[in-house]
Amino acid sequence: MADATPTLHHADTDLEIHKVVVGPMDNNVFVLKCRHTGDAVLIDAANEHERLLELAKALASGERHQRTI
């Protein structure tokens, strides 16, 4: 993914929630991903569609987007 900003917002044994802030209005976009099946849903894809497509491809390939503390 071109943007190196970590996206992982929350994770537990069942799911991951990834958060990205996009657009001039700083819209929050979320991807909820099942850790068991790999299925995911994109919520409120308001802007920067190419960036979100890159994130979706990275998550599908198993690339990590961990939150740094």
Protein backbone atom coordinates (compact mmCIF):
# COMPACT_ATOMS: atom_id res chain seq x y z
CA MET A 1 0.00 0.00 0.00
CA ALA A 2 1.38 3.41 -0.93
CA ASP A 3 0.32 5.02 2.33
CA ALA A 4 2.38 3.60 5.20
CA THR A 5 -0.12 4.77 7.83
CA PRO A 6 -1.21 1.81 9.99
CA THR A 7 -4.89 0.99 9.57
CA LEU A 8 -5.60 -1.58 12.27
CA HIS A 9 -8.02 0.07 14.70
CA HIS A 10 -9.18 -2.98 16.70
CA ALA A 11 -8.68 -6.74 16.62
CA ASP A 12 -9.78 -9.77 18.60
CA THR A 13 -9.87 -13.49 17.90
CA ASP A 14 -12.78 -13.13 15.46
CA LEU A 15 -12.39 -9.87 13.57
CA GLU A 16 -10.22 -6.95 12.58
CA ILE A 17 -11.45 -3.39 12.21
CA HIS A 18 -9.34 -1.22 9.95
CA LYS A 19 -9.84 2.55 9.83
CA VAL A 20 -8.71 5.01 7.17
CA VAL A 21 -9.37 8.76 7.08
CA VAL A 22 -10.01 10.03 3.54
CA GLY A 23 -10.98 13.12 1.62
CA PRO A 24 -11.02 16.83 2.35
CA MET A 25 -13.66 16.35 5.06
CA ASP A 26 -11.60 13.67 6.88
CA ASN A 27 -14.25 10.96 6.47
CA ASN A 28 -13.70 7.78 8.49
CA VAL A 29 -13.84 4.61 6.40
CA PHE A 30 -13.89 1.21 8.06
CA VAL A 31 -13.14 -2.31 6.85
CA LEU A 32 -14.42 -5.13 9.03
CA LYS A 33 -12.62 -8.40 8.28
CA CYS A 34 -13.42 -11.88 9.62
CA ARG A 35 -10.22 -13.54 10.84
CA HIS A 36 -11.68 -17.00 10.21
CA THR A 37 -12.96 -16.66 6.64
CA GLY A 38 -11.14 -13.57 5.38
CA ASP A 39 -14.47 -12.07 4.30
CA ALA A 40 -14.64 -8.32 4.69
CA VAL A 41 -17.04 -5.42 4.31
CA LEU A 42 -16.16 -1.82 3.45
CA ILE A 43 -18.22 0.78 5.31
CA ASP A 44 -18.71 4.39 4.13
CA ALA A 45 -16.24 4.52 1.22
CA ALA A 46 -16.63 8.27 0.82
CA ASN A 47 -13.53 9.27 -1.14
CA GLU A 48 -10.04 8.26 -2.33
CA HIS A 49 -11.30 5.08 -3.98
CA GLU A 50 -7.89 4.06 -5.36
CA ARG A 51 -6.40 4.18 -1.86
CA LEU A 52 -9.25 2.06 -0.52
CA LEU A 53 -8.83 -0.44 -3.36
CA GLU A 54 -5.13 -0.76 -2.45
CA LEU A 55 -6.10 -1.40 1.18
CA ALA A 56 -8.64 -4.04 0.15
CA LYS A 57 -6.04 -5.81 -2.01
CA ALA A 58 -3.48 -5.69 0.80
CA LEU A 59 -5.94 -7.11 3.33
CA ALA A 60 -6.96 -9.85 0.90
CA SER A 61 -3.32 -10.84 0.44
CA GLY A 62 -2.77 -11.01 4.20
CA GLU A 63 -0.45 -8.00 4.33
CA ARG A 64 -0.32 -6.60 7.85
CA HIS A 65 -1.51 -3.10 8.78
CA GLN A 66 -0.81 -3.04 12.48
CA ARG A 67 -1.43 -0.10 14.75
CA THR A 68 1.77 1.32 16.21
CA ILE A 69 1.76 2.24 19.90
